[in-house]
Amino acid sequence: MARYLLFGPTGGVGQHILRQALDAGVDMRAAERSWDEDPAPDMQYERREADVLESDLDPLMDGCDAVISAIGVPRDPATLINPPPIYTEGAVRMVQAMRRSNVKRLVVISAAFADHDTDIPMWFQAAVTPLRRIFRQMAEMERVLRVADDISWTAVRPGWLLDRELTRDYNVEEGGLPEGTLRTRRADLAHFMLDCVENDAWVRECPFIARREKDELEGPGALIEEFRPS
């Protein structure tokens, strides 16, 4: 039975990765900085506490066939102004630990908007300006991975993330977001990341993933609603 190490299991995408992998019979080891909540209390998996920026990651790698990173940062103003180097330094520390443990496969979340050439509506470019520092970090993470010739990495570039049910009906392109798309369901992103691991697909590439959604989910109104304080 395969065993995957998952960073960020309590996040929006990580929860889907964890549950989909467990449903598929994968032995999962999940690493979180602190376990304030259990995203799958009804399922059996190994829970570990670890900070990707400070902890010794080597023990987490023991016996694992692949590493999946769904780590992210909150969108509060202080974090957006000065985000921690969780993508850049985090990627470096993961790769170093993988090398020491002879783990070769790594799949991480980047973003379509980490690529300056991504074709997106002007209104959306303006709306996500506060996230630019995070996107720059993701772009730097991709550069870190590109020089890791001994690691079979994949940096997946989703569009604007959406909480809706799994469809498996998404499009994947190499050079940019699929035509006419802007959004990516978190559940579909999880499905694709697991497929990359299971089938050794898109190795040393940065594939874009998205699907066409209803107009009301793709316009400025949906963005305003999502970013409105609760």
Protein backbone atom coordinates (compact mmCIF):
# COMPACT_ATOMS: atom_id res chain seq x y z
CA MET A 1 0.00 0.00 0.00
CA ALA A 2 1.27 3.46 -0.93
CA ARG A 3 1.88 6.00 1.80
CA TYR A 4 1.74 9.73 1.15
CA LEU A 5 2.88 12.55 3.39
CA LEU A 6 0.48 15.50 3.26
CA PHE A 7 1.34 18.99 4.48
CA GLY A 8 -1.66 21.24 5.15
CA PRO A 9 -4.36 18.62 5.74
CA THR A 10 -6.74 21.01 7.53
CA GLY A 11 -6.83 23.61 4.73
CA GLY A 12 -9.48 23.97 2.08
CA VAL A 13 -7.69 21.78 -0.49
CA GLY A 14 -5.85 19.60 2.01
CA GLN A 15 -9.06 18.26 3.50
CA HIS A 16 -10.18 17.07 0.07
CA ILE A 17 -6.80 15.48 -0.65
CA LEU A 18 -6.87 13.66 2.66
CA ARG A 19 -10.37 12.27 2.29
CA GLN A 20 -10.04 11.37 -1.39
CA ALA A 21 -6.75 9.56 -0.75
CA LEU A 22 -8.17 7.65 2.21
CA ASP A 23 -11.24 6.70 0.18
CA ALA A 24 -8.86 5.32 -2.47
CA GLY A 25 -7.08 3.16 0.11
CA VAL A 26 -3.92 5.21 0.44
CA ASP A 27 -2.07 5.14 3.76
CA MET A 28 -1.85 8.81 4.76
CA ARG A 29 0.50 10.61 7.12
CA ALA A 30 -0.75 14.17 7.68
CA ALA A 31 1.46 16.92 9.12
CA GLU A 32 -0.01 20.08 10.61
CA ARG A 33 1.54 22.79 12.76
CA SER A 34 -1.22 22.33 15.33
CA TRP A 35 -4.24 20.06 15.30
CA ASP A 36 -7.01 22.41 16.36
CA GLU A 37 -9.43 20.42 14.25
CA ASP A 38 -9.55 16.98 12.65
CA PRO A 39 -10.66 17.17 9.00
CA ALA A 40 -11.46 13.45 8.88
CA PRO A 41 -12.43 12.27 12.39
CA ASP A 42 -14.30 9.32 10.95
CA MET A 43 -11.26 7.97 9.06
CA GLN A 44 -8.00 6.31 10.05
CA TYR A 45 -4.76 8.12 9.27
CA GLU A 46 -1.54 9.13 11.00
CA ARG A 47 -1.44 12.62 12.49
CA ARG A 48 1.87 14.40 13.09
CA GLU A 49 2.67 17.89 14.39
CA ALA A 50 5.28 19.78 12.39
CA ASP A 51 6.07 23.32 11.30
CA VAL A 52 7.43 23.24 7.77
CA LEU A 53 9.64 26.26 8.52
CA GLU A 54 11.07 25.11 11.85
CA SER A 55 10.60 21.40 12.52
CA ASP A 56 12.90 18.52 11.60
CA LEU A 57 11.08 17.14 8.55
CA ASP A 58 13.21 14.03 8.13
CA PRO A 59 11.16 11.79 10.48
CA LEU A 60 8.01 12.67 8.54
CA MET A 61 9.50 11.27 5.33
CA ASP A 62 10.26 7.83 6.72
CA GLY A 63 8.41 5.16 4.76
CA CYS A 64 6.61 7.60 2.46
CA ASP A 65 6.36 7.19 -1.30
CA ALA A 66 5.43 10.78 -2.10
CA VAL A 67 4.97 14.22 -0.56
CA ILE A 68 1.97 16.44 -1.27
CA SER A 69 1.90 20.04 -0.11
CA ALA A 70 -1.41 21.85 0.31
CA ILE A 71 -0.01 24.46 2.68
CA GLY A 72 -1.27 28.02 2.47
CA VAL A 73 -1.44 31.30 4.33
CA PRO A 74 -4.40 33.23 5.74
CA ARG A 75 -5.65 36.33 3.93
CA ASP A 76 -5.60 38.72 6.87
CA PRO A 77 -4.01 42.14 6.12
CA ALA A 78 -0.87 41.56 8.21
CA THR A 79 -0.11 38.29 6.43
CA LEU A 80 -0.76 39.75 2.98
CA ILE A 81 1.64 42.62 3.69
CA ASN A 82 4.38 40.36 5.03
CA PRO A 83 3.66 36.69 4.26
CA PRO A 84 5.89 34.07 5.89
CA PRO A 85 8.24 32.25 3.46
CA ILE A 86 6.11 29.14 3.64
CA TYR A 87 6.23 28.49 -0.11
CA THR A 88 9.85 29.37 -0.79
CA GLU A 89 11.72 28.27 2.33
CA GLY A 90 9.11 25.58 2.89
CA ALA A 91 9.83 24.08 -0.53
CA VAL A 92 13.59 24.20 0.10
CA ARG A 93 13.22 22.41 3.44
CA MET A 94 10.90 19.77 1.97
CA VAL A 95 13.28 19.04 -0.89
CA GLN A 96 16.25 18.80 1.46
CA ALA A 97 14.42 16.36 3.73
CA MET A 98 13.25 14.33 0.72
CA ARG A 99 16.82 14.00 -0.50
CA ARG A 100 18.04 12.79 2.86
CA SER A 101 15.19 10.25 3.00
CA ASN A 102 15.37 9.22 -0.68
CA VAL A 103 11.78 10.30 -1.41
CA LYS A 104 11.53 11.41 -5.02
CA ARG A 105 7.93 12.49 -5.75
CA LEU A 106 6.56 15.92 -4.77
CA VAL A 107 3.33 17.65 -5.78
CA VAL A 108 2.62 21.19 -4.57
CA ILE A 109 0.00 23.89 -5.05
CA SER A 110 1.10 27.03 -6.86
CA ALA A 111 -1.32 29.39 -8.66
CA ALA A 112 -2.21 30.33 -12.20
CA PHE A 113 -1.59 33.94 -11.16
CA ALA A 114 2.02 33.21 -10.21
CA ASP A 115 2.63 33.35 -13.98
CA HIS A 116 2.68 36.97 -15.18
CA ASP A 117 1.57 35.86 -18.64
CA THR A 118 -1.67 34.28 -17.41
CA ASP A 119 -4.58 35.77 -19.34
CA ILE A 120 -7.18 36.92 -16.79
CA PRO A 121 -9.81 39.70 -16.81
CA MET A 122 -8.60 43.17 -15.91
CA TRP A 123 -11.13 43.48 -13.09
CA PHE A 124 -9.77 40.30 -11.53
CA GLN A 125 -6.16 41.48 -11.80
CA ALA A 126 -7.10 44.60 -9.84
CA ALA A 127 -9.13 42.65 -7.28
CA VAL A 128 -6.30 40.28 -6.35
CA THR A 129 -3.60 42.95 -6.08
CA PRO A 130 -3.36 42.35 -2.29
CA LEU A 131 -2.28 38.78 -3.02
CA ARG A 132 0.65 39.75 -5.25
CA ARG A 133 3.31 39.08 -2.60
CA ILE A 134 1.97 35.57 -2.16
CA PHE A 135 1.90 34.98 -5.92
CA ARG A 136 5.52 36.17 -6.15
CA GLN A 137 6.45 33.66 -3.46
CA MET A 138 4.75 30.91 -5.42
CA ALA A 139 6.68 31.91 -8.53
CA GLU A 140 9.91 31.76 -6.54
CA MET A 141 8.90 28.33 -5.22
CA GLU A 142 8.56 27.15 -8.81
CA ARG A 143 12.07 28.43 -9.55
CA VAL A 144 13.36 26.51 -6.52
CA LEU A 145 11.78 23.34 -7.83
CA ARG A 146 13.06 23.78 -11.38
CA VAL A 147 16.67 23.42 -10.21
CA ALA A 148 15.87 20.31 -8.15
CA ASP A 149 16.81 17.92 -10.92
CA ASP A 150 16.80 14.91 -8.60
CA ILE A 151 13.17 15.45 -7.48
CA SER A 152 10.15 14.47 -9.58
CA TRP A 153 8.10 17.55 -8.76
CA THR A 154 4.86 19.00 -10.06
CA ALA A 155 3.64 22.51 -9.23
CA VAL A 156 -0.08 22.68 -9.99
CA ARG A 157 -1.46 26.07 -11.03
CA PRO A 158 -5.17 26.36 -10.24
CA GLY A 159 -7.35 29.35 -10.99
CA TRP A 160 -9.49 31.24 -8.50
CA LEU A 161 -10.47 28.55 -6.00
CA LEU A 162 -14.09 27.58 -5.46
CA ASP A 163 -15.86 25.50 -2.80
CA ARG A 164 -18.15 23.17 -4.69
CA GLU A 165 -18.51 19.41 -5.00
CA LEU A 166 -16.09 17.20 -6.93
CA THR A 167 -16.79 16.92 -10.66
CA ARG A 168 -13.64 15.30 -12.14
CA ASP A 169 -14.74 17.33 -15.19
CA TYR A 170 -11.91 19.83 -15.34
CA ASN A 171 -9.45 20.93 -18.00
CA VAL A 172 -5.67 20.86 -17.74
CA GLU A 173 -3.38 22.87 -20.00
CA GLU A 174 0.36 23.45 -20.18
CA GLY A 175 0.61 27.07 -21.31
CA GLY A 176 -2.12 28.88 -19.40
CA LEU A 177 -5.60 28.62 -17.98
CA PRO A 178 -7.88 26.63 -20.31
CA GLU A 179 -9.75 28.98 -22.65
CA GLY A 180 -12.82 30.56 -21.11
CA THR A 181 -12.01 29.47 -17.56
CA LEU A 182 -11.08 31.31 -14.38
CA ARG A 183 -12.09 29.08 -11.48
CA THR A 184 -10.94 25.76 -10.01
CA ARG A 185 -12.91 23.70 -7.53
CA ARG A 186 -10.88 22.73 -4.50
CA ALA A 187 -12.19 19.18 -4.71
CA ASP A 188 -11.17 18.93 -8.38
CA LEU A 189 -7.73 20.35 -7.59
CA ALA A 190 -7.29 17.67 -4.92
CA HIS A 191 -8.38 14.99 -7.40
CA PHE A 192 -5.87 16.19 -9.99
CA MET A 193 -2.99 16.40 -7.51
CA LEU A 194 -3.62 12.83 -6.40
CA ASP A 195 -3.82 11.73 -10.02
CA CYS A 196 -0.42 13.34 -10.65
CA VAL A 197 1.06 11.27 -7.81
CA GLU A 198 -0.69 8.02 -8.62
CA ASN A 199 0.09 8.11 -12.34
CA ASP A 200 3.43 9.94 -12.17
CA ALA A 201 1.94 12.60 -14.45
CA TRP A 202 3.14 16.12 -15.27
CA VAL A 203 6.60 15.50 -13.79
CA ARG A 204 8.75 18.66 -13.62
CA GLU A 205 5.91 20.72 -15.09
CA CYS A 206 3.51 23.44 -13.92
CA PRO A 207 0.10 22.47 -15.33
CA PHE A 208 -2.86 24.85 -15.20
CA ILE A 209 -6.21 23.41 -14.05
CA ALA A 210 -9.66 25.02 -14.22
CA ARG A 211 -13.22 24.48 -15.46
CA ARG A 212 -15.95 26.76 -16.82
CA GLU A 213 -18.46 27.60 -14.10
CA LYS A 214 -21.79 29.42 -14.12
CA ASP A 215 -21.57 33.12 -14.86
CA GLU A 216 -22.66 34.08 -11.35
CA LEU A 217 -19.62 32.23 -9.95
CA GLU A 218 -17.10 33.90 -12.25
CA GLY A 219 -17.91 37.59 -12.12
CA PRO A 220 -16.95 40.49 -9.84
CA GLY A 221 -19.99 39.92 -7.64
CA ALA A 222 -18.76 36.47 -6.63
CA LEU A 223 -15.34 37.87 -5.73
CA ILE A 224 -16.86 40.64 -3.62
CA GLU A 225 -19.01 38.11 -1.79
CA GLU A 226 -16.06 35.82 -1.12
CA PHE A 227 -13.83 38.58 0.25
CA ARG A 228 -16.56 40.23 2.33
CA PRO A 229 -15.77 39.96 6.07
CA SER A 230 -17.94 37.39 7.86
